[in-house]
């Protein structure tokens, strides 16, 4: 439903648009970024690490002296790109000999929880080759919107 302008406003509008010409190309073309697909093939485990090993859910007593060596902020990631970024980050943390890292997922909003926050524990459970345990971060470090992750030690051969 369109409202009619008062006569003085209509006159002003007509004066403004009288010299307006249509663009030669009135079609807007936007580039859509390609999405990254998660490969269906399983990742190869590190030597000496069994895929059946469990990833522990850690408790507050395990977190007394935690000082993360690095962090990954997943804000703005999609579910598929978030999992890939997490896997790469944890692999790099393992090879850098980091002991603890912090993964920031965000808490979401009331009635709309963060998908990444819900998925991160599942992803961590599926990565025993990089992770030995995880827990929600301390309130000062993000609370339920972040995780501490304990990185597995490199296998010395």
Protein backbone atom coordinates (compact mmCIF):
# COMPACT_ATOMS: atom_id res chain seq x y z
CA UNK A 1 0.00 0.00 0.00
CA UNK A 2 1.48 3.31 -1.10
CA UNK A 3 0.72 6.60 0.57
CA UNK A 4 0.32 9.70 -1.56
CA UNK A 5 2.66 12.54 -0.85
CA UNK A 6 1.28 15.94 0.04
CA UNK A 7 1.32 18.31 -3.01
CA UNK A 8 4.34 20.34 -1.84
CA UNK A 9 6.36 17.15 -1.17
CA UNK A 10 5.33 15.68 -4.52
CA UNK A 11 6.47 18.87 -6.29
CA UNK A 12 9.84 18.69 -4.50
CA UNK A 13 10.22 15.00 -5.36
CA UNK A 14 9.42 15.62 -9.03
CA UNK A 15 12.03 18.40 -9.09
CA UNK A 16 14.67 16.06 -7.64
CA UNK A 17 14.06 13.12 -9.98
CA UNK A 18 13.50 15.04 -13.22
CA UNK A 19 17.18 14.65 -14.26
CA UNK A 20 17.52 11.04 -13.13
CA UNK A 21 18.27 8.58 -15.94
CA UNK A 22 18.13 4.80 -15.67
CA UNK A 23 21.42 2.95 -15.58
CA UNK A 24 22.52 1.28 -18.79
CA UNK A 25 22.93 -1.97 -16.92
CA UNK A 26 20.16 -2.39 -14.40
CA UNK A 27 21.05 -5.96 -13.47
CA UNK A 28 23.17 -6.46 -10.36
CA UNK A 29 25.48 -9.46 -10.44
CA UNK A 30 26.99 -10.57 -7.18
CA UNK A 31 29.72 -13.11 -6.83
CA UNK A 32 28.74 -15.99 -4.59
CA UNK A 33 31.72 -17.47 -2.76
CA UNK A 34 32.22 -21.18 -3.24
CA UNK A 35 31.54 -23.28 -0.17
CA UNK A 36 34.15 -25.68 1.10
CA UNK A 37 33.12 -29.31 1.22
CA UNK A 38 34.29 -31.58 4.02
CA UNK A 39 36.05 -34.55 2.46
CA UNK A 40 34.28 -37.87 2.98
CA UNK A 41 37.51 -39.80 3.42
CA UNK A 42 38.68 -40.27 7.02
CA UNK A 43 41.76 -38.39 8.16
CA UNK A 44 44.78 -40.57 8.76
CA UNK A 45 45.60 -40.96 12.45
CA UNK A 46 49.04 -40.14 13.76
CA UNK A 47 51.38 -43.08 14.30
CA UNK A 48 50.82 -44.80 17.63
CA UNK A 49 47.39 -43.19 18.24
CA UNK A 50 44.38 -45.45 18.11
CA UNK A 51 41.16 -43.94 16.80
CA UNK A 52 39.37 -45.82 19.58
CA UNK A 53 41.07 -43.79 22.32
CA UNK A 54 38.65 -41.66 24.29
CA UNK A 55 38.70 -37.90 24.67
CA UNK A 56 37.98 -37.00 28.31
CA UNK A 57 35.58 -34.36 29.54
CA UNK A 58 37.75 -32.58 32.10
CA UNK A 59 36.64 -31.17 35.47
CA UNK A 60 37.44 -27.93 37.30
CA UNK A 61 40.30 -29.55 39.25
CA UNK A 62 42.05 -30.31 35.96
CA UNK A 63 41.92 -26.63 34.98
CA UNK A 64 43.66 -25.01 37.97
CA UNK A 65 46.88 -24.08 36.19
CA UNK A 66 45.64 -23.80 32.61
CA UNK A 67 47.39 -21.16 30.52
CA UNK A 68 46.39 -21.55 26.86
CA UNK A 69 49.28 -21.45 24.39
CA UNK A 70 46.94 -20.30 21.63
CA UNK A 71 43.31 -19.74 20.75
CA UNK A 72 40.93 -20.11 17.83
CA UNK A 73 37.90 -17.83 17.54
CA UNK A 74 35.12 -19.55 15.57
CA UNK A 75 32.82 -16.51 15.45
CA UNK A 76 31.58 -16.08 11.89
CA UNK A 77 32.40 -19.63 10.77
CA UNK A 78 29.84 -21.95 9.26
CA UNK A 79 29.48 -25.43 10.66
CA UNK A 80 31.55 -27.09 7.92
CA UNK A 81 34.27 -24.42 7.77
CA UNK A 82 34.38 -24.34 11.58
CA UNK A 83 35.12 -28.05 11.79
CA UNK A 84 37.87 -27.81 9.18
CA UNK A 85 39.41 -24.77 10.91
CA UNK A 86 39.30 -26.56 14.27
CA UNK A 87 40.97 -29.68 12.86
CA UNK A 88 43.76 -27.64 11.21
CA UNK A 89 44.26 -25.54 14.34
CA UNK A 90 44.54 -28.61 16.58
CA UNK A 91 46.93 -30.31 14.17
CA UNK A 92 49.15 -27.20 14.18
CA UNK A 93 48.94 -27.00 17.98
CA UNK A 94 50.11 -30.61 18.22
CA UNK A 95 53.11 -29.99 15.98
CA UNK A 96 54.00 -26.78 17.85
CA UNK A 97 54.03 -28.78 21.11
CA UNK A 98 51.32 -26.65 22.68
CA UNK A 99 49.74 -28.20 25.77
CA UNK A 100 46.49 -26.20 26.08
CA UNK A 101 44.44 -24.12 23.66
CA UNK A 102 41.21 -22.14 23.97
CA UNK A 103 38.46 -22.51 21.37
CA UNK A 104 35.97 -19.62 21.36
CA UNK A 105 32.56 -20.53 19.97
CA UNK A 106 30.30 -17.89 21.47
CA UNK A 107 27.29 -18.56 23.67
CA UNK A 108 24.59 -17.71 21.17
CA UNK A 109 21.55 -15.74 22.26
CA UNK A 110 18.57 -16.62 24.46
CA UNK A 111 16.39 -19.02 22.56
CA UNK A 112 19.01 -19.32 19.80
CA UNK A 113 22.02 -21.29 21.08
CA UNK A 114 25.30 -21.30 19.17
CA UNK A 115 25.45 -24.21 16.71
CA UNK A 116 29.24 -24.17 16.91
CA UNK A 117 29.08 -24.41 20.71
CA UNK A 118 26.83 -27.46 20.44
CA UNK A 119 28.97 -29.13 17.75
CA UNK A 120 32.44 -28.48 19.19
CA UNK A 121 32.31 -31.28 21.83
CA UNK A 122 31.27 -33.76 19.11
CA UNK A 123 34.10 -32.60 16.87
CA UNK A 124 36.62 -32.84 19.72
CA UNK A 125 35.42 -36.37 20.53
CA UNK A 126 36.13 -37.32 16.90
CA UNK A 127 39.74 -36.06 17.08
CA UNK A 128 41.55 -38.31 19.59
CA UNK A 129 44.69 -38.07 17.46
CA UNK A 130 45.02 -34.40 18.54
CA UNK A 131 43.04 -34.07 21.79
CA UNK A 132 43.15 -35.85 25.16
CA UNK A 133 40.45 -33.79 26.90
CA UNK A 134 38.37 -30.62 26.98
CA UNK A 135 36.19 -28.55 29.31
CA UNK A 136 34.26 -25.30 29.30
CA UNK A 137 36.54 -22.35 29.96
CA UNK A 138 36.68 -20.45 33.24
CA UNK A 139 34.24 -17.52 33.46
CA UNK A 140 37.13 -15.06 32.96
CA UNK A 141 38.05 -16.78 29.68
CA UNK A 142 34.60 -17.05 28.11
CA UNK A 143 32.74 -19.51 30.34
CA UNK A 144 30.27 -21.63 28.40
CA UNK A 145 31.11 -19.77 25.18
CA UNK A 146 34.64 -21.18 25.06
CA UNK A 147 36.47 -24.45 25.64
CA UNK A 148 39.87 -25.38 27.00
CA UNK A 149 41.34 -28.20 24.98
CA UNK A 150 44.23 -30.36 26.18
CA UNK A 151 46.49 -31.24 23.27
CA UNK A 152 47.93 -34.74 22.96
CA UNK A 153 51.69 -35.07 23.21
CA UNK A 154 53.53 -35.88 20.01
CA UNK A 155 54.46 -39.52 19.59
CA UNK A 156 58.25 -39.83 19.67
CA UNK A 157 59.53 -42.48 17.31
